[in-house]
Amino acid sequence: MHQSLGKLKTEARKSATNAGHTMGPFHTIKRATKRTVAEALCVKCGAYVQVDTNPPPNGIDISGDVFGKTCSG
């Protein structure tokens, strides 16, 4: 089941904040397919988080390097 873009953004921002990141606004890209992708950057260290409302098979809906490290800024 696919999640809404708003719910994915909220979950992504919460997870990034828990790792000490301060995320800027999300920039959204609508795709020709039934997919919307949005990305935000940490304003302190530049790490990113990306959400995808309809990831490809074996893809993930929330990803980014904010999950691999705490904020260094």
PDB file of N, CA and C in Angstrom:
ATOM      1  N   MET A   1       0.831  -1.177   0.000  1.00  0.00           N
ATOM      2  CA  MET A   1       0.000   0.000   0.000  1.00  0.00           C
ATOM      3  C   MET A   1       0.881   1.249   0.000  1.00  0.00           C
ATOM      4  N   HIS A   2       0.557   2.180  -0.844  1.00  0.00           N
ATOM      5  CA  HIS A   2       1.334   3.409  -0.956  1.00  0.00           C
ATOM      6  C   HIS A   2       0.840   4.442   0.046  1.00  0.00           C
ATOM      7  N   GLN A   3       1.768   5.197   0.582  1.00  0.00           N
ATOM      8  CA  GLN A   3       1.417   6.239   1.542  1.00  0.00           C
ATOM      9  C   GLN A   3       1.308   7.581   0.824  1.00  0.00           C
ATOM     10  N   SER A   4       0.595   8.501   1.447  1.00  0.00           N
ATOM     11  CA  SER A   4       0.454   9.832   0.865  1.00  0.00           C
ATOM     12  C   SER A   4       1.774  10.595   0.980  1.00  0.00           C
ATOM     13  N   LEU A   5       1.947  11.552   0.104  1.00  0.00           N
ATOM     14  CA  LEU A   5       3.157  12.361   0.109  1.00  0.00           C
ATOM     15  C   LEU A   5       3.314  13.091   1.444  1.00  0.00           C
ATOM     16  N   GLY A   6       2.219  13.643   1.969  1.00  0.00           N
ATOM     17  CA  GLY A   6       2.279  14.358   3.242  1.00  0.00           C
ATOM     18  C   GLY A   6       2.731  13.477   4.390  1.00  0.00           C
ATOM     19  N   LYS A   7       2.207  12.266   4.453  1.00  0.00           N
ATOM     20  CA  LYS A   7       2.584  11.345   5.535  1.00  0.00           C
ATOM     21  C   LYS A   7       4.059  10.937   5.407  1.00  0.00           C
ATOM     22  N   LEU A   8       4.511  10.686   4.186  1.00  0.00           N
ATOM     23  CA  LEU A   8       5.913  10.322   3.978  1.00  0.00           C
ATOM     24  C   LEU A   8       6.841  11.467   4.380  1.00  0.00           C
ATOM     25  N   LYS A   9       6.489  12.689   4.028  1.00  0.00           N
ATOM     26  CA  LYS A   9       7.305  13.852   4.398  1.00  0.00           C
ATOM     27  C   LYS A   9       7.379  13.987   5.916  1.00  0.00           C
ATOM     28  N   THR A  10       6.255  13.821   6.587  1.00  0.00           N
ATOM     29  CA  THR A  10       6.218  13.926   8.052  1.00  0.00           C
ATOM     30  C   THR A  10       7.105  12.873   8.692  1.00  0.00           C
ATOM     31  N   GLU A  11       7.009  11.637   8.237  1.00  0.00           N
ATOM     32  CA  GLU A  11       7.831  10.552   8.784  1.00  0.00           C
ATOM     33  C   GLU A  11       9.316  10.793   8.511  1.00  0.00           C
ATOM     34  N   ALA A  12       9.635  11.256   7.298  1.00  0.00           N
ATOM     35  CA  ALA A  12      11.030  11.503   6.934  1.00  0.00           C
ATOM     36  C   ALA A  12      11.621  12.620   7.781  1.00  0.00           C
ATOM     37  N   ARG A  13      10.868  13.701   7.941  1.00  0.00           N
ATOM     38  CA  ARG A  13      11.354  14.829   8.740  1.00  0.00           C
ATOM     39  C   ARG A  13      11.562  14.414  10.200  1.00  0.00           C
ATOM     40  N   LYS A  14      10.646  13.632  10.742  1.00  0.00           N
ATOM     41  CA  LYS A  14      10.758  13.172  12.128  1.00  0.00           C
ATOM     42  C   LYS A  14      12.009  12.311  12.311  1.00  0.00           C
ATOM     43  N   SER A  15      12.247  11.388  11.385  1.00  0.00           N
ATOM     44  CA  SER A  15      13.426  10.516  11.475  1.00  0.00           C
ATOM     45  C   SER A  15      14.713  11.314  11.352  1.00  0.00           C
ATOM     46  N   ALA A  16      14.747  12.279  10.441  1.00  0.00           N
ATOM     47  CA  ALA A  16      15.939  13.103  10.256  1.00  0.00           C
ATOM     48  C   ALA A  16      16.197  13.962  11.492  1.00  0.00           C
ATOM     49  N   THR A  17      15.146  14.506  12.058  1.00  0.00           N
ATOM     50  CA  THR A  17      15.274  15.329  13.264  1.00  0.00           C
ATOM     51  C   THR A  17      15.797  14.501  14.434  1.00  0.00           C
ATOM     52  N   ASN A  18      15.357  13.259  14.531  1.00  0.00           N
ATOM     53  CA  ASN A  18      15.840  12.371  15.594  1.00  0.00           C
ATOM     54  C   ASN A  18      17.334  12.108  15.477  1.00  0.00           C
ATOM     55  N   ALA A  19      17.901  12.249  14.273  1.00  0.00           N
ATOM     56  CA  ALA A  19      19.339  12.073  14.067  1.00  0.00           C
ATOM     57  C   ALA A  19      20.084  13.404  14.175  1.00  0.00           C
ATOM     58  N   GLY A  20      19.389  14.456  14.625  1.00  0.00           N
ATOM     59  CA  GLY A  20      20.028  15.741  14.849  1.00  0.00           C
ATOM     60  C   GLY A  20      20.037  16.676  13.656  1.00  0.00           C
ATOM     61  N   HIS A  21      19.398  16.298  12.563  1.00  0.00           N
ATOM     62  CA  HIS A  21      19.382  17.131  11.357  1.00  0.00           C
ATOM     63  C   HIS A  21      18.300  18.200  11.440  1.00  0.00           C
ATOM     64  N   THR A  22      18.547  19.329  10.806  1.00  0.00           N
ATOM     65  CA  THR A  22      17.572  20.411  10.675  1.00  0.00           C
ATOM     66  C   THR A  22      17.222  20.511   9.204  1.00  0.00           C
ATOM     67  N   MET A  23      16.088  19.951   8.845  1.00  0.00           N
ATOM     68  CA  MET A  23      15.734  19.837   7.432  1.00  0.00           C
ATOM     69  C   MET A  23      15.087  21.113   6.906  1.00  0.00           C
ATOM     70  N   GLY A  24      15.483  21.475   5.701  1.00  0.00           N
ATOM     71  CA  GLY A  24      14.871  22.593   5.009  1.00  0.00           C
ATOM     72  C   GLY A  24      13.569  22.129   4.371  1.00  0.00           C
ATOM     73  N   PRO A  25      12.995  22.950   3.501  1.00  0.00           N
ATOM     74  CA  PRO A  25      11.730  22.584   2.864  1.00  0.00           C
ATOM     75  C   PRO A  25      11.914  21.454   1.854  1.00  0.00           C
ATOM     76  N   PHE A  26      10.855  20.706   1.646  1.00  0.00           N
ATOM     77  CA  PHE A  26      10.868  19.664   0.626  1.00  0.00           C
ATOM     78  C   PHE A  26      10.641  20.290  -0.745  1.00  0.00           C
ATOM     79  N   HIS A  27      11.358  19.794  -1.722  1.00  0.00           N
ATOM     80  CA  HIS A  27      11.159  20.177  -3.121  1.00  0.00           C
ATOM     81  C   HIS A  27      10.554  18.969  -3.811  1.00  0.00           C
ATOM     82  N   THR A  28       9.409  19.150  -4.438  1.00  0.00           N
ATOM     83  CA  THR A  28       8.638  18.045  -5.000  1.00  0.00           C
ATOM     84  C   THR A  28       8.766  17.996  -6.514  1.00  0.00           C
ATOM     85  N   ILE A  29       8.908  16.773  -7.020  1.00  0.00           N
ATOM     86  CA  ILE A  29       8.968  16.527  -8.462  1.00  0.00           C
ATOM     87  C   ILE A  29       7.862  15.543  -8.806  1.00  0.00           C
ATOM     88  N   LYS A  30       6.954  15.940  -9.661  1.00  0.00           N
ATOM     89  CA  LYS A  30       5.914  15.014 -10.135  1.00  0.00           C
ATOM     90  C   LYS A  30       6.482  14.259 -11.329  1.00  0.00           C
ATOM     91  N   ARG A  31       6.294  12.980 -11.352  1.00  0.00           N
ATOM     92  CA  ARG A  31       6.761  12.139 -12.451  1.00  0.00           C
ATOM     93  C   ARG A  31       5.600  11.845 -13.391  1.00  0.00           C
ATOM     94  N   ALA A  32       5.902  11.452 -14.612  1.00  0.00           N
ATOM     95  CA  ALA A  32       4.866  11.108 -15.586  1.00  0.00           C
ATOM     96  C   ALA A  32       4.089   9.870 -15.136  1.00  0.00           C
ATOM     97  N   THR A  33       4.753   9.013 -14.407  1.00  0.00           N
ATOM     98  CA  THR A  33       4.092   7.818 -13.883  1.00  0.00           C
ATOM     99  C   THR A  33       3.301   8.199 -12.640  1.00  0.00           C
ATOM    100  N   LYS A  34       2.726   7.246 -11.979  1.00  0.00           N
ATOM    101  CA  LYS A  34       1.955   7.515 -10.759  1.00  0.00           C
ATOM    102  C   LYS A  34       2.887   7.650  -9.571  1.00  0.00           C
ATOM    103  N   ARG A  35       3.839   8.548  -9.686  1.00  0.00           N
ATOM    104  CA  ARG A  35       4.888   8.699  -8.701  1.00  0.00           C
ATOM    105  C   ARG A  35       5.142  10.161  -8.407  1.00  0.00           C
ATOM    106  N   THR A  36       5.341  10.471  -7.168  1.00  0.00           N
ATOM    107  CA  THR A  36       5.788  11.802  -6.778  1.00  0.00           C
ATOM    108  C   THR A  36       6.990  11.608  -5.860  1.00  0.00           C
ATOM    109  N   VAL A  37       8.060  12.329  -6.159  1.00  0.00           N
ATOM    110  CA  VAL A  37       9.289  12.242  -5.379  1.00  0.00           C
ATOM    111  C   VAL A  37       9.557  13.624  -4.788  1.00  0.00           C
ATOM    112  N   ALA A  38       9.954  13.675  -3.528  1.00  0.00           N
ATOM    113  CA  ALA A  38      10.296  14.933  -2.865  1.00  0.00           C
ATOM    114  C   ALA A  38      11.600  14.749  -2.106  1.00  0.00           C
ATOM    115  N   GLU A  39      12.384  15.826  -2.031  1.00  0.00           N
ATOM    116  CA  GLU A  39      13.684  15.762  -1.362  1.00  0.00           C
ATOM    117  C   GLU A  39      13.875  17.009  -0.511  1.00  0.00           C
ATOM    118  N   ALA A  40      14.528  16.828   0.627  1.00  0.00           N
ATOM    119  CA  ALA A  40      14.878  17.944   1.510  1.00  0.00           C
ATOM    120  C   ALA A  40      16.323  17.772   1.959  1.00  0.00           C
ATOM    121  N   LEU A  41      16.989  18.899   2.202  1.00  0.00           N
ATOM    122  CA  LEU A  41      18.377  18.896   2.650  1.00  0.00           C
ATOM    123  C   LEU A  41      18.484  19.442   4.067  1.00  0.00           C
ATOM    124  N   CYS A  42      19.437  18.917   4.815  1.00  0.00           N
ATOM    125  CA  CYS A  42      19.736  19.455   6.134  1.00  0.00           C
ATOM    126  C   CYS A  42      20.434  20.801   5.931  1.00  0.00           C
ATOM    127  N   VAL A  43      19.950  21.830   6.610  1.00  0.00           N
ATOM    128  CA  VAL A  43      20.521  23.162   6.433  1.00  0.00           C
ATOM    129  C   VAL A  43      21.884  23.304   7.114  1.00  0.00           C
ATOM    130  N   LYS A  44      22.241  22.360   7.976  1.00  0.00           N
ATOM    131  CA  LYS A  44      23.520  22.428   8.682  1.00  0.00           C
ATOM    132  C   LYS A  44      24.628  21.640   7.975  1.00  0.00           C
ATOM    133  N   CYS A  45      24.324  20.419   7.522  1.00  0.00           N
ATOM    134  CA  CYS A  45      25.385  19.564   6.970  1.00  0.00           C
ATOM    135  C   CYS A  45      25.164  19.146   5.516  1.00  0.00           C
ATOM    136  N   GLY A  46      23.985  19.425   4.958  1.00  0.00           N
ATOM    137  CA  GLY A  46      23.728  19.100   3.559  1.00  0.00           C
ATOM    138  C   GLY A  46      23.257  17.682   3.296  1.00  0.00           C
ATOM    139  N   ALA A  47      23.073  16.871   4.338  1.00  0.00           N
ATOM    140  CA  ALA A  47      22.566  15.511   4.143  1.00  0.00           C
ATOM    141  C   ALA A  47      21.145  15.603   3.587  1.00  0.00           C
ATOM    142  N   TYR A  48      20.724  14.585   2.856  1.00  0.00           N
ATOM    143  CA  TYR A  48      19.408  14.644   2.224  1.00  0.00           C
ATOM    144  C   TYR A  48      18.507  13.503   2.670  1.00  0.00           C
ATOM    145  N   VAL A  49      17.208  13.729   2.514  1.00  0.00           N
ATOM    146  CA  VAL A  49      16.201  12.694   2.681  1.00  0.00           C
ATOM    147  C   VAL A  49      15.282  12.799   1.465  1.00  0.00           C
ATOM    148  N   GLN A  50      14.871  11.648   0.960  1.00  0.00           N
ATOM    149  CA  GLN A  50      14.007  11.605  -0.220  1.00  0.00           C
ATOM    150  C   GLN A  50      12.829  10.682   0.053  1.00  0.00           C
ATOM    151  N   VAL A  51      11.654  11.087  -0.412  1.00  0.00           N
ATOM    152  CA  VAL A  51      10.465  10.249  -0.293  1.00  0.00           C
ATOM    153  C   VAL A  51       9.914   9.973  -1.686  1.00  0.00           C
ATOM    154  N   ASP A  52       9.312   8.806  -1.843  1.00  0.00           N
ATOM    155  CA  ASP A  52       8.758   8.370  -3.125  1.00  0.00           C
ATOM    156  C   ASP A  52       7.401   7.728  -2.858  1.00  0.00           C
ATOM    157  N   THR A  53       6.337   8.287  -3.438  1.00  0.00           N
ATOM    158  CA  THR A  53       4.992   7.786  -3.164  1.00  0.00           C
ATOM    159  C   THR A  53       4.701   6.451  -3.832  1.00  0.00           C
ATOM    160  N   ASN A  54       5.492   6.079  -4.824  1.00  0.00           N
ATOM    161  CA  ASN A  54       5.257   4.821  -5.534  1.00  0.00           C
ATOM    162  C   ASN A  54       6.606   4.253  -5.982  1.00  0.00           C
ATOM    163  N   PRO A  55       7.398   3.741  -5.036  1.00  0.00           N
ATOM    164  CA  PRO A  55       8.733   3.254  -5.384  1.00  0.00           C
ATOM    165  C   PRO A  55       8.659   2.036  -6.311  1.00  0.00           C
ATOM    166  N   PRO A  56       9.708   1.810  -7.099  1.00  0.00           N
ATOM    167  CA  PRO A  56       9.741   0.634  -7.969  1.00  0.00           C
ATOM    168  C   PRO A  56       9.803  -0.641  -7.136  1.00  0.00           C
ATOM    169  N   PRO A  57       9.567  -1.799  -7.765  1.00  0.00           N
ATOM    170  CA  PRO A  57       9.682  -3.067  -7.022  1.00  0.00           C
ATOM    171  C   PRO A  57      11.038  -3.143  -6.309  1.00  0.00           C
ATOM    172  N   ASN A  58      11.006  -3.576  -5.096  1.00  0.00           N
ATOM    173  CA  ASN A  58      12.190  -3.665  -4.234  1.00  0.00           C
ATOM    174  C   ASN A  58      12.779  -2.305  -3.874  1.00  0.00           C
ATOM    175  N   GLY A  59      12.070  -1.217  -4.204  1.00  0.00           N
ATOM    176  CA  GLY A  59      12.507   0.121  -3.831  1.00  0.00           C
ATOM    177  C   GLY A  59      11.972   0.465  -2.446  1.00  0.00           C
ATOM    178  N   ILE A  60      12.386   1.612  -1.930  1.00  0.00           N
ATOM    179  CA  ILE A  60      11.914   2.041  -0.616  1.00  0.00           C
ATOM    180  C   ILE A  60      11.279   3.420  -0.729  1.00  0.00           C
ATOM    181  N   ASP A  61      10.363   3.708   0.168  1.00  0.00           N
ATOM    182  CA  ASP A  61       9.630   4.963   0.069  1.00  0.00           C
ATOM    183  C   ASP A  61      10.319   6.136   0.761  1.00  0.00           C
ATOM    184  N   ILE A  62      11.162   5.884   1.761  1.00  0.00           N
ATOM    185  CA  ILE A  62      11.922   6.945   2.431  1.00  0.00           C
ATOM    186  C   ILE A  62      13.386   6.520   2.468  1.00  0.00           C
ATOM    187  N   SER A  63      14.264   7.378   1.944  1.00  0.00           N
ATOM    188  CA  SER A  63      15.686   7.038   1.903  1.00  0.00           C
ATOM    189  C   SER A  63      16.513   8.313   2.032  1.00  0.00           C
ATOM    190  N   GLY A  64      17.815   8.135   2.123  1.00  0.00           N
ATOM    191  CA  GLY A  64      18.727   9.267   2.154  1.00  0.00           C
ATOM    192  C   GLY A  64      19.861   9.059   3.127  1.00  0.00           C
ATOM    193  N   ASP A  65      20.882   9.906   2.976  1.00  0.00           N
ATOM    194  CA  ASP A  65      22.041   9.738   3.847  1.00  0.00           C
ATOM    195  C   ASP A  65      21.822  10.309   5.253  1.00  0.00           C
ATOM    196  N   VAL A  66      20.686  10.945   5.512  1.00  0.00           N
ATOM    197  CA  VAL A  66      20.397  11.375   6.896  1.00  0.00           C
ATOM    198  C   VAL A  66      20.267  10.183   7.828  1.00  0.00           C
ATOM    199  N   PHE A  67      19.959   9.017   7.263  1.00  0.00           N
ATOM    200  CA  PHE A  67      19.789   7.820   8.088  1.00  0.00           C
ATOM    201  C   PHE A  67      21.102   7.137   8.410  1.00  0.00           C
ATOM    202  N   GLY A  68      22.166   7.474   7.711  1.00  0.00           N
ATOM    203  CA  GLY A  68      23.447   6.826   7.934  1.00  0.00           C
ATOM    204  C   GLY A  68      24.378   7.585   8.848  1.00  0.00           C
ATOM    205  N   LYS A  69      23.985   8.793   9.258  1.00  0.00           N
ATOM    206  CA  LYS A  69      24.891   9.571  10.097  1.00  0.00           C
ATOM    207  C   LYS A  69      24.115  10.621  10.877  1.00  0.00           C
ATOM    208  N   THR A  70      24.700  11.023  11.993  1.00  0.00           N
ATOM    209  CA  THR A  70      24.117  12.132  12.732  1.00  0.00           C
ATOM    210  C   THR A  70      24.641  13.429  12.116  1.00  0.00           C
ATOM    211  N   CYS A  71      23.967  14.520  12.376  1.00  0.00           N
ATOM    212  CA  CYS A  71      24.341  15.798  11.775  1.00  0.00           C
ATOM    213  C   CYS A  71      25.719  16.235  12.266  1.00  0.00           C
ATOM    214  N   SER A  72      26.540  16.656  11.323  1.00  0.00           N
ATOM    215  CA  SER A  72      27.889  17.104  11.666  1.00  0.00           C
ATOM    216  C   SER A  72      27.982  18.630  11.692  1.00  0.00           C
ATOM    217  N   GLY A  73      26.849  19.292  11.471  1.00  0.00           N
ATOM    218  CA  GLY A  73      26.847  20.759  11.414  1.00  0.00           C
ATOM    219  C   GLY A  73      26.609  21.311  12.719  1.00  0.00           C
TER     220      GLY A  73
END
